[in-house]
Protein backbone atom coordinates (compact mmCIF):
# COMPACT_ATOMS: atom_id res chain seq x y z
CA MET A 1 -69.59 15.16 -54.29
CA LYS A 2 -71.58 13.96 -57.33
CA LYS A 3 -70.65 17.15 -59.15
CA ILE A 4 -66.96 16.63 -58.49
CA VAL A 5 -67.02 12.96 -59.60
CA PHE A 6 -68.87 13.93 -62.76
CA LEU A 7 -66.45 16.77 -63.37
CA PHE A 8 -63.34 14.61 -63.08
CA THR A 9 -64.82 11.96 -65.40
CA LEU A 10 -65.37 14.52 -68.15
CA ILE A 11 -62.03 16.20 -67.55
CA CYS A 12 -60.24 12.87 -68.07
CA LEU A 13 -62.06 12.45 -71.39
CA LEU A 14 -61.45 15.97 -72.68
CA LEU A 15 -58.12 17.15 -71.25
CA GLY A 16 -56.25 15.89 -74.29
CA ASN A 17 -58.02 18.41 -76.52
CA ILE A 18 -58.32 21.36 -74.18
CA THR A 19 -55.66 23.49 -75.89
CA SER A 20 -57.49 23.38 -79.20
CA VAL A 21 -60.88 24.62 -78.05
CA GLY A 22 -62.03 28.16 -77.42
CA ALA A 23 -64.11 27.43 -74.34
CA LEU A 24 -64.61 24.03 -72.77
CA THR A 25 -68.20 23.53 -71.57
CA LEU A 26 -69.22 20.44 -69.63
CA GLU A 27 -72.89 20.03 -68.84
CA ASN A 28 -74.58 17.32 -66.81
CA LYS A 29 -77.95 16.59 -68.42
CA ASP A 30 -79.25 15.31 -65.09
CA ASN A 31 -78.19 18.51 -63.37
CA PRO A 32 -78.42 21.93 -65.03
CA THR A 33 -75.07 23.03 -63.57
CA SER A 34 -72.75 24.05 -66.42
CA PHE A 35 -69.00 23.42 -66.11
CA THR A 36 -67.34 26.00 -68.37
CA VAL A 37 -63.63 26.73 -68.13
CA LYS A 38 -63.54 30.45 -67.39
CA ILE A 39 -60.60 32.81 -67.71
CA LEU A 40 -61.49 35.15 -64.87
CA PRO A 41 -59.52 38.34 -64.18
CA TRP A 42 -57.70 38.31 -60.87
CA ASP A 43 -60.07 40.72 -59.11
CA GLU A 44 -62.93 38.26 -59.74
CA ALA A 45 -60.96 35.06 -59.10
CA ASN A 46 -59.77 36.59 -55.82
CA LYS A 47 -63.38 36.58 -54.62
CA VAL A 48 -64.14 33.05 -55.86
CA ILE A 49 -61.25 31.54 -53.85
CA PRO A 50 -60.94 33.72 -50.72
CA LYS A 51 -58.24 33.14 -48.12
CA LYS A 52 -58.64 29.88 -46.20
CA SER A 53 -60.79 28.39 -48.98
CA ILE A 54 -60.09 24.81 -50.07
CA PHE A 55 -60.23 23.83 -53.74
CA THR A 56 -58.89 21.30 -56.26
CA ILE A 57 -56.02 21.86 -58.70
CA ILE A 58 -56.15 19.78 -61.90
CA ASP A 59 -52.97 19.62 -63.99
CA VAL A 60 -54.00 20.07 -67.64
CA GLU A 61 -51.15 18.03 -69.14
CA THR A 62 -51.46 14.93 -66.95
CA GLY A 63 -55.02 15.13 -65.57
CA LEU A 64 -53.66 14.51 -62.06
CA HIS A 65 -55.26 16.52 -59.26
CA PHE A 66 -54.77 17.44 -55.61
CA GLU A 67 -56.38 19.54 -52.88
CA VAL A 68 -54.99 22.86 -51.67
CA GLN A 69 -55.85 25.71 -49.33
CA ARG A 70 -55.28 29.34 -50.13
CA ARG A 71 -53.45 30.88 -47.21
CA ALA A 72 -52.41 34.36 -48.37
CA GLY A 73 -51.52 36.56 -51.32
CA SER A 74 -52.94 39.88 -52.49
CA LYS A 75 -51.67 40.10 -56.09
CA HIS A 76 -52.01 36.36 -56.72
CA ALA A 77 -52.93 33.36 -54.57
CA ASP A 78 -50.39 31.83 -52.19
CA VAL A 79 -51.53 28.25 -51.58
CA GLN A 80 -50.40 25.05 -49.87
CA PRO A 81 -51.18 21.38 -50.49
CA LEU A 82 -53.80 20.32 -47.97
CA THR A 83 -52.22 17.06 -46.76
CA PHE A 84 -49.09 14.92 -47.10
CA LYS A 85 -50.92 12.95 -49.79
CA ASP A 86 -51.60 16.14 -51.76
CA THR A 87 -47.95 17.19 -51.47
CA LYS A 88 -46.90 13.79 -52.84
CA MET A 89 -49.29 14.15 -55.79
CA MET A 90 -48.04 17.63 -56.58
CA LYS A 91 -44.45 16.39 -56.59
CA THR A 92 -45.47 13.54 -58.89
CA ILE A 93 -46.83 16.13 -61.34
CA TYR A 94 -43.40 17.76 -61.27
CA ASN A 95 -41.65 14.43 -61.93
CA GLY A 96 -40.35 14.14 -58.38
CA LYS A 97 -38.44 17.43 -58.33
CA TRP A 98 -39.63 20.85 -57.18
CA SER A 99 -39.38 23.42 -59.95
CA TRP A 100 -40.19 27.01 -60.89
CA LYS A 101 -41.60 25.71 -64.18
CA ARG A 102 -45.09 27.01 -64.87
CA ARG A 103 -47.90 24.55 -65.57
CA ALA A 104 -51.39 25.07 -66.99
CA ILE A 105 -53.99 24.11 -64.39
CA LEU A 106 -57.72 24.17 -63.76
CA ILE A 107 -59.16 25.29 -60.44
CA ALA A 108 -62.25 23.27 -59.46
CA THR A 109 -64.26 24.99 -56.77
CA LYS A 110 -67.93 24.29 -56.08
CA ASP A 111 -69.51 24.28 -59.56
CA GLN A 112 -66.81 26.36 -61.31
CA LEU A 113 -63.72 25.60 -63.37
CA LEU A 114 -61.16 28.42 -63.61
CA ALA A 115 -58.11 28.61 -65.88
CA ALA A 116 -54.93 29.27 -63.92
CA SER A 117 -51.17 28.65 -63.73
CA MET A 118 -48.91 27.38 -60.98
CA HIS A 119 -45.22 26.83 -60.36
CA GLY A 120 -43.87 24.00 -58.24
CA MET A 121 -41.28 25.57 -55.94
CA PRO A 122 -41.86 25.72 -52.16
CA HIS A 123 -40.84 29.09 -50.76
CA GLY A 124 -41.69 31.41 -47.90
CA ALA A 125 -43.82 30.39 -44.95
CA GLY A 126 -46.25 27.51 -44.62
CA ALA A 127 -48.72 26.78 -41.83
CA LEU A 128 -50.17 23.36 -42.71
CA LYS A 129 -48.78 20.00 -41.62
CA ASN A 130 -48.38 18.60 -45.11
CA GLY A 131 -44.67 17.94 -45.70
CA PHE A 132 -44.49 20.97 -48.01
CA PRO A 133 -41.80 23.45 -46.87
CA GLY A 134 -43.62 26.72 -47.55
CA HIS A 135 -46.21 27.71 -50.13
CA PHE A 136 -46.42 28.02 -53.92
CA CYS A 137 -48.11 30.54 -56.22
CA VAL A 138 -51.23 30.26 -58.34
CA HIS A 139 -51.82 32.98 -60.93
CA PHE A 140 -54.95 34.07 -62.75
CA TYR A 141 -55.42 36.38 -65.72
CA GLY A 142 -54.08 39.82 -64.85
CA SER A 143 -52.52 38.80 -61.55
CA THR A 144 -49.00 40.02 -60.84
CA THR A 145 -45.95 38.99 -58.86
CA HIS A 146 -45.69 40.36 -55.33
CA GLY A 147 -42.14 41.57 -55.89
CA SER A 148 -42.29 43.45 -59.20
CA GLY A 149 -46.01 44.11 -59.40
CA ASN A 150 -45.85 43.09 -63.07
CA GLU A 151 -47.74 40.39 -64.93
CA ASP A 152 -45.65 37.26 -65.47
CA LEU A 153 -45.75 36.29 -69.17
CA SER A 154 -44.92 32.64 -68.49
CA HIS A 155 -47.95 32.37 -66.18
CA LYS A 156 -50.12 34.21 -68.71
CA ILE A 157 -49.23 31.68 -71.42
CA MET A 158 -50.23 28.78 -69.15
CA ILE A 159 -53.51 30.48 -68.14
CA LEU A 160 -54.42 30.96 -71.80
CA ARG A 161 -53.54 27.34 -72.54
CA ALA A 162 -55.73 26.12 -69.67
CA GLY A 163 -58.60 28.24 -70.97
CA GLY A 164 -58.19 27.15 -74.59
CA LYS A 165 -57.26 30.65 -75.76
CA LEU A 166 -53.51 30.44 -76.42
CA ALA A 167 -53.89 30.03 -80.20
CA ASP A 168 -56.16 33.08 -80.32
CA TYR A 169 -53.60 35.12 -78.37
CA LEU A 170 -50.76 34.10 -80.70
CA ASN A 171 -52.87 35.08 -83.71
CA GLU A 172 -53.29 38.61 -82.33
CA ILE A 173 -49.84 39.65 -81.09
CA GLU A 174 -47.24 41.58 -83.08
CA PRO A 175 -43.80 40.22 -84.10
CA VAL A 176 -41.83 41.74 -81.19
CA GLN A 177 -44.26 40.19 -78.71
CA VAL A 178 -43.94 36.86 -80.56
CA LEU A 179 -40.21 36.95 -79.80
CA LYS A 180 -40.94 37.66 -76.13
CA VAL A 181 -43.20 34.60 -76.04
CA PHE A 182 -40.44 32.57 -77.74
CA GLU A 183 -37.88 33.70 -75.16
CA THR A 184 -40.25 32.81 -72.34
CA ALA A 185 -41.14 29.41 -73.82
CA VAL A 186 -37.46 28.50 -74.31
CA ASN A 187 -36.62 29.38 -70.70
CA GLN A 188 -39.62 27.41 -69.42
CA ARG A 189 -38.74 24.45 -71.70
CA ASP A 190 -42.26 24.79 -73.03
CA ASN A 191 -41.95 22.80 -76.26
CA GLU A 192 -45.66 22.98 -77.05
CA THR A 193 -45.67 26.78 -77.21
CA VAL A 194 -42.40 26.80 -79.17
CA ARG A 195 -44.02 24.46 -81.70
CA MET A 196 -46.94 26.86 -82.13
CA LEU A 197 -44.58 29.76 -82.93
CA PHE A 198 -42.68 28.23 -85.86
CA SER A 199 -43.34 27.81 -89.56
CA ASN A 200 -40.68 25.19 -90.35
CA LYS A 201 -37.53 23.34 -89.21
CA GLU A 202 -39.13 22.37 -85.88
CA LYS A 203 -37.05 19.20 -85.41
CA GLN A 204 -33.78 21.02 -86.01
CA LEU A 205 -34.84 23.77 -83.62
CA HIS A 206 -35.77 21.35 -80.82
CA LYS A 207 -32.36 19.67 -81.11
CA ARG A 208 -30.70 23.04 -80.54
CA LEU A 209 -33.00 23.96 -77.67
CA LYS A 210 -32.11 20.80 -75.75
CA ASN A 211 -28.65 22.26 -75.21
CA ILE A 212 -29.87 25.69 -74.08
CA MET A 213 -30.33 26.38 -70.38
CA PHE A 214 -31.33 30.05 -70.66
CA PHE A 215 -31.95 32.52 -73.49
CA SER A 216 -32.08 36.29 -73.09
CA MET A 217 -32.76 39.02 -75.66
CA ASN A 218 -31.64 42.61 -75.15
CA ARG A 219 -34.85 44.61 -75.60
CA LYS A 220 -32.91 47.85 -76.27
CA SER A 221 -31.10 46.30 -79.23
CA VAL A 222 -34.25 45.46 -81.21
CA GLN A 223 -34.30 46.87 -84.76
CA ILE A 224 -37.26 46.27 -87.07
CA ASP A 225 -37.19 46.12 -90.87
CA ASN A 226 -40.61 45.58 -92.47
CA GLU A 227 -39.06 44.45 -95.77
CA HIS A 228 -41.79 46.49 -97.57
CA ASN A 229 -43.87 43.31 -97.45
CA PRO A 230 -46.90 43.04 -95.14
CA PHE A 231 -46.27 39.29 -94.70
CA ILE A 232 -42.55 39.42 -93.83
CA GLN A 233 -40.78 41.16 -90.97
CA ARG A 234 -37.10 41.02 -90.11
CA ILE A 235 -35.97 41.80 -86.57
CA SER A 236 -32.34 42.19 -85.48
CA VAL A 237 -31.60 41.67 -81.81
CA ASP A 238 -28.62 41.03 -79.54
CA ALA A 239 -29.04 37.90 -77.43
CA THR A 240 -27.18 35.87 -74.85
CA VAL A 241 -27.38 32.08 -74.92
CA TYR A 242 -26.45 30.06 -71.82
CA HIS A 243 -25.76 26.41 -72.67
CA CYS A 244 -26.24 23.35 -70.49
CA ASP A 245 -22.45 22.92 -70.27
CA PHE A 246 -22.43 26.37 -68.55
CA SER A 247 -20.81 28.11 -71.52
CA LYS A 248 -22.18 31.49 -72.62
CA GLN A 249 -22.40 33.07 -76.04
CA ARG A 250 -23.40 36.57 -77.09
CA LYS A 251 -24.98 36.70 -80.51
CA SER A 252 -26.35 39.23 -82.96
CA MET A 253 -29.39 37.50 -84.38
CA ASP A 254 -31.29 38.26 -87.56
CA ILE A 255 -34.78 36.80 -87.15
CA ILE A 256 -37.38 36.52 -89.91
CA LEU A 257 -41.09 36.31 -89.13
CA LEU A 258 -43.74 35.26 -91.65
CA LYS A 259 -47.42 36.16 -91.40
CA ASP A 260 -49.90 33.35 -91.97
CA SER A 261 -52.40 34.64 -94.55
CA LEU A 262 -55.21 32.50 -93.10
CA THR A 263 -54.89 33.00 -89.35
CA GLY A 264 -52.97 36.26 -89.25
CA GLN A 265 -50.40 34.74 -86.87
CA TRP A 266 -46.80 35.83 -87.12
CA ARG A 267 -44.57 32.74 -87.09
CA ILE A 268 -40.81 32.62 -86.65
CA ASP A 269 -38.89 31.24 -89.60
CA GLY A 270 -36.93 28.12 -88.69
CA SER A 271 -33.66 29.67 -89.89
CA ILE A 272 -33.26 30.95 -86.33
CA ALA A 273 -32.14 27.42 -85.42
CA ASP A 274 -28.86 28.01 -87.25
CA GLN A 275 -28.17 31.05 -85.05
CA LEU A 276 -28.70 29.43 -81.64
């Protein structure tokens, strides 16, 4: 119990800066136990939180936390809030409305902190008397969906954010993958990740994004022009934009990406805002 109290105290102090650090290490000088946020691959995380285990989920953005039990899941963890009180707290984190939106979370179990991602939509079966109609999914690095068997990029982004490694990931990926992250962030209404992807015109872009319900790029239409400049890449792609008024537009977009000479990150030029 002392470990958990100590852990939550430090989490409350440091959560605001978690996305900007490479690895968050919390150490109690009176107890040699080290609390380091670990990004464990699914095959290892699967052993740390076996079925029927009870652990704490901490929402990175708000610092709110609740207890859950893992009930099932082979490719990721299927979990349920432990009690009615935990269900209420989870719904508070989602602003009172269940949602498929992914959120960066920390898993606190025994003396470990694991980076993970969850969505907030009850589905399927549920066995606990907790007021939660089903279960929800918790993903770890390398875990996949049960249906497709593929890694979910939106969960991956949240896992990296929880582990303080999202900036490193964005510095390493190539321009086409940057656009995939942009598409994912727009559809998740993940303004923080969108902000990290752009070089300019952020305010204008966010105004446009408020009116977009869903954004889809046709992967087969991608054409790359390197501009004979190692710091500029132009990508043409066909896209479909679904607006909040339920209108739909098909667009041929010409997107410019600029490479940051210091970090190596490819950033999207803000001129894309005029095409949305």
